[in-house]
Amino acid sequence: MAELSPPGFDNMFFGLFGLSNRASSMVGPNVIQAIIDKTGNNWQGFPFLVALCTSASLVIWFGVDVTKGRRDAVRWANAQRGHLR
């Protein structure tokens, strides 16, 4: 997250991260509880969590080009500074 935040706009992007973190903290446990309620087995939520974490890791490892992201973040930040003046 810190590597891809546009320079000078770190607070805005970390605020967005904090907001999405709060949302996932509310949604995630409710989804797991729904799985447990439907199956009646406390362990049935675990495969869902493993699949979710594995798929997210694969997308980040193989789908995110950090070098291009840094360049795009700097370009975006410079464009935003141009609009603010």
C-alpha atoms as a PDB file:
ATOM      1  CA  MET A   1       0.000   0.000   0.000  1.00  0.00           C
ATOM      2  CA  ALA A   2       2.728   2.459   0.929  1.00  0.00           C
ATOM      3  CA  GLU A   3       4.712   1.681  -2.217  1.00  0.00           C
ATOM      4  CA  LEU A   4       1.783   2.457  -4.494  1.00  0.00           C
ATOM      5  CA  SER A   5       0.407   5.539  -2.723  1.00  0.00           C
ATOM      6  CA  PRO A   6       0.919   8.686  -4.799  1.00  0.00           C
ATOM      7  CA  PRO A   7       3.509  11.000  -3.242  1.00  0.00           C
ATOM      8  CA  GLY A   8       1.814  13.761  -1.291  1.00  0.00           C
ATOM      9  CA  PHE A   9      -1.515  11.928  -1.192  1.00  0.00           C
ATOM     10  CA  ASP A  10      -0.541   9.266   1.345  1.00  0.00           C
ATOM     11  CA  ASN A  11      -3.076  10.398   3.945  1.00  0.00           C
ATOM     12  CA  MET A  12      -5.956  10.174   1.472  1.00  0.00           C
ATOM     13  CA  PHE A  13      -5.059   6.657   0.338  1.00  0.00           C
ATOM     14  CA  PHE A  14      -4.409   5.357   3.843  1.00  0.00           C
ATOM     15  CA  GLY A  15      -7.773   6.835   4.870  1.00  0.00           C
ATOM     16  CA  LEU A  16      -9.398   4.879   2.056  1.00  0.00           C
ATOM     17  CA  PHE A  17      -7.551   1.772   3.226  1.00  0.00           C
ATOM     18  CA  GLY A  18      -8.807   2.348   6.783  1.00  0.00           C
ATOM     19  CA  LEU A  19     -12.381   2.695   5.546  1.00  0.00           C
ATOM     20  CA  SER A  20     -12.211  -0.492   3.471  1.00  0.00           C
ATOM     21  CA  ASN A  21     -10.590  -2.274   6.416  1.00  0.00           C
ATOM     22  CA  ARG A  22     -13.538  -1.337   8.635  1.00  0.00           C
ATOM     23  CA  ALA A  23     -16.011  -2.530   6.023  1.00  0.00           C
ATOM     24  CA  SER A  24     -14.281  -5.881   5.647  1.00  0.00           C
ATOM     25  CA  SER A  25     -14.180  -6.221   9.426  1.00  0.00           C
ATOM     26  CA  MET A  26     -17.964  -6.031   9.433  1.00  0.00           C
ATOM     27  CA  VAL A  27     -18.732  -8.097   6.328  1.00  0.00           C
ATOM     28  CA  GLY A  28     -16.222 -10.935   6.810  1.00  0.00           C
ATOM     29  CA  PRO A  29     -17.446 -12.268  10.151  1.00  0.00           C
ATOM     30  CA  ASN A  30     -21.063 -12.071   8.967  1.00  0.00           C
ATOM     31  CA  VAL A  31     -20.269 -14.139   5.865  1.00  0.00           C
ATOM     32  CA  ILE A  32     -18.436 -16.739   7.962  1.00  0.00           C
ATOM     33  CA  GLN A  33     -21.334 -16.840  10.422  1.00  0.00           C
ATOM     34  CA  ALA A  34     -23.784 -17.358   7.549  1.00  0.00           C
ATOM     35  CA  ILE A  35     -21.690 -20.295   6.320  1.00  0.00           C
ATOM     36  CA  ILE A  36     -21.580 -21.777   9.832  1.00  0.00           C
ATOM     37  CA  ASP A  37     -25.334 -21.290  10.310  1.00  0.00           C
ATOM     38  CA  LYS A  38     -26.127 -22.938   6.972  1.00  0.00           C
ATOM     39  CA  THR A  39     -23.851 -25.952   7.475  1.00  0.00           C
ATOM     40  CA  GLY A  40     -24.063 -26.298  11.259  1.00  0.00           C
ATOM     41  CA  ASN A  41     -20.310 -26.927  11.358  1.00  0.00           C
ATOM     42  CA  ASN A  42     -17.859 -24.367  12.752  1.00  0.00           C
ATOM     43  CA  TRP A  43     -15.043 -25.608  10.508  1.00  0.00           C
ATOM     44  CA  GLN A  44     -16.874 -24.960   7.227  1.00  0.00           C
ATOM     45  CA  GLY A  45     -15.881 -21.297   7.274  1.00  0.00           C
ATOM     46  CA  PHE A  46     -12.195 -22.211   7.217  1.00  0.00           C
ATOM     47  CA  PRO A  47     -12.036 -23.441   3.569  1.00  0.00           C
ATOM     48  CA  PHE A  48     -13.741 -20.215   2.484  1.00  0.00           C
ATOM     49  CA  LEU A  49     -11.093 -18.147   4.293  1.00  0.00           C
ATOM     50  CA  VAL A  50      -8.238 -20.206   2.839  1.00  0.00           C
ATOM     51  CA  ALA A  51      -9.658 -19.849  -0.688  1.00  0.00           C
ATOM     52  CA  LEU A  52     -10.176 -16.110  -0.233  1.00  0.00           C
ATOM     53  CA  CYS A  53      -6.650 -15.518   1.095  1.00  0.00           C
ATOM     54  CA  THR A  54      -5.065 -17.742  -1.558  1.00  0.00           C
ATOM     55  CA  SER A  55      -6.893 -16.075  -4.438  1.00  0.00           C
ATOM     56  CA  ALA A  56      -6.061 -12.583  -3.135  1.00  0.00           C
ATOM     57  CA  SER A  57      -2.391 -13.531  -2.732  1.00  0.00           C
ATOM     58  CA  LEU A  58      -2.227 -14.910  -6.265  1.00  0.00           C
ATOM     59  CA  VAL A  59      -3.788 -11.776  -7.714  1.00  0.00           C
ATOM     60  CA  ILE A  60      -1.337  -9.563  -5.813  1.00  0.00           C
ATOM     61  CA  TRP A  61       1.741 -11.671  -6.599  1.00  0.00           C
ATOM     62  CA  PHE A  62       1.039 -12.188 -10.291  1.00  0.00           C
ATOM     63  CA  GLY A  63      -1.379  -9.409 -11.217  1.00  0.00           C
ATOM     64  CA  VAL A  64       0.164  -6.284  -9.695  1.00  0.00           C
ATOM     65  CA  ASP A  65       3.064  -4.606 -11.451  1.00  0.00           C
ATOM     66  CA  VAL A  66       4.601  -2.537  -8.663  1.00  0.00           C
ATOM     67  CA  THR A  67       7.000  -0.649 -10.951  1.00  0.00           C
ATOM     68  CA  LYS A  68       4.192   0.413 -13.287  1.00  0.00           C
ATOM     69  CA  GLY A  69       2.011   1.233 -10.284  1.00  0.00           C
ATOM     70  CA  ARG A  70       4.647   3.563  -8.857  1.00  0.00           C
ATOM     71  CA  ARG A  71       4.997   5.351 -12.199  1.00  0.00           C
ATOM     72  CA  ASP A  72       1.230   5.672 -12.557  1.00  0.00           C
ATOM     73  CA  ALA A  73       0.901   6.954  -8.982  1.00  0.00           C
ATOM     74  CA  VAL A  74       3.517   9.665  -9.566  1.00  0.00           C
ATOM     75  CA  ARG A  75       1.875  10.627 -12.865  1.00  0.00           C
ATOM     76  CA  TRP A  76      -1.554  10.815 -11.185  1.00  0.00           C
ATOM     77  CA  ALA A  77      -0.187  12.896  -8.283  1.00  0.00           C
ATOM     78  CA  ASN A  78       1.447  15.347 -10.684  1.00  0.00           C
ATOM     79  CA  ALA A  79      -1.789  15.660 -12.665  1.00  0.00           C
ATOM     80  CA  GLN A  80      -3.764  16.319  -9.479  1.00  0.00           C
ATOM     81  CA  ARG A  81      -1.316  19.010  -8.393  1.00  0.00           C
ATOM     82  CA  GLY A  82      -1.785  20.655 -11.790  1.00  0.00           C
ATOM     83  CA  HIS A  83      -5.558  20.749 -11.291  1.00  0.00           C
ATOM     84  CA  LEU A  84      -5.243  22.242  -7.805  1.00  0.00           C
ATOM     85  CA  ARG A  85      -3.364  25.335  -8.997  1.00  0.00           C
END
